[in-house]
Amino acid sequence: MHVTEARVRGILTRSSGFLRTVCSHSLQPWRGCSFGQALCGVGCYAQHNRWLARGETWGSFLEARVNAAEAYLAEHAAEARWARRARDGFVIFMSSSTDPFVPQEERLGITASVLAAMLERPPDGLIVQTHTDRVLRARDALIALARRCELRVHISIESDRDRLPGLPPPTCSVDARLAAAAALRAAGLRVVITVAPLLPIARPKEFFARLGQVADAVVIDHFIEGDGTPDGGRTQTTALPAAMRKVDPSSTDLAYRERMVAVARRVLPGRVGVSVDGFAGRLLEG
């Protein structure tokens, strides 16, 4: 893992594509990802973004944007005015490509500095997306920020399995992520489990029941449609689909998502979202 530091001219990116109806902006405190060689990195959609990867292998590099908090404060007023005029409000998604709580965060504190800046000048809404229980280290800041804006913590738990054949382990176990979700929800935060990308689930009914105990809602998204291509073409170039088929041959079809959504709706009526609507907080009726 090659770690570098960089200063950026701007940190707020006006949303487009998949995120267009989810938020007004995305914010990436880091570029690249320490988790790129873990299970979540195998099919990670961000690796196909040439501007982010810049020719480097995903999971081999990490850029710390050391002035991220300073850039946020500098952009806040103008971007908030634009978002409130052109969108439904100034809502930030952090992060769409790099986990905010990579291990290097403990030493460099980039994400922590951004959260502190948001406490000073909050957005209207903040969605924090993570794959790791390291989010618990930001619990106090998130609790404080939730008093100043509408805040959701999204924790990715793609399956009840920790391993798929031939692929690396996750960066954080399923049990550890479930425990983190429970702790954050007990602290009064709104927690959403994102089953994205949906991987083969061994015991769907029991899995969604467990999620319901630790989260306010569940979002289910398949790599087909979810990776930015209609047929999941980006993900099809990775090792993920073949590993999924070894476990459950039907899991690589979009119909598998619909079956899992049906199970989740029976277990968690009114608490299930699908794909982009779910990420935007729009849930299916019970």
Foldseek 3Di string as FASTA:
>chain_A
DAEEEDADQAFWDQDDALCPLQFRTEGEQKAAECQLQAPCNQLQLLQPPCVRCVPPHGNPYMYGHLCSLVRCLVCVPVSQVCCVVPHVFHEYEYHNHYQLQGPCCVVRVSSVSNLVSCLVPNTQEYEHEHAELSCVVCLVSQLSNVVVHPYEYEYEDQEQDQDFPPGHGGPYHPVSSLVSLQVSVVSVHAYEYENPQHADYDDLLVVLLSVVNRHQAYEYEHCCCQSSHNGNVSSVVGPPLVSRCVVPVCRNDVVVSVVSQVSNCVNPAFRYHYRSCVSNVNHDHD
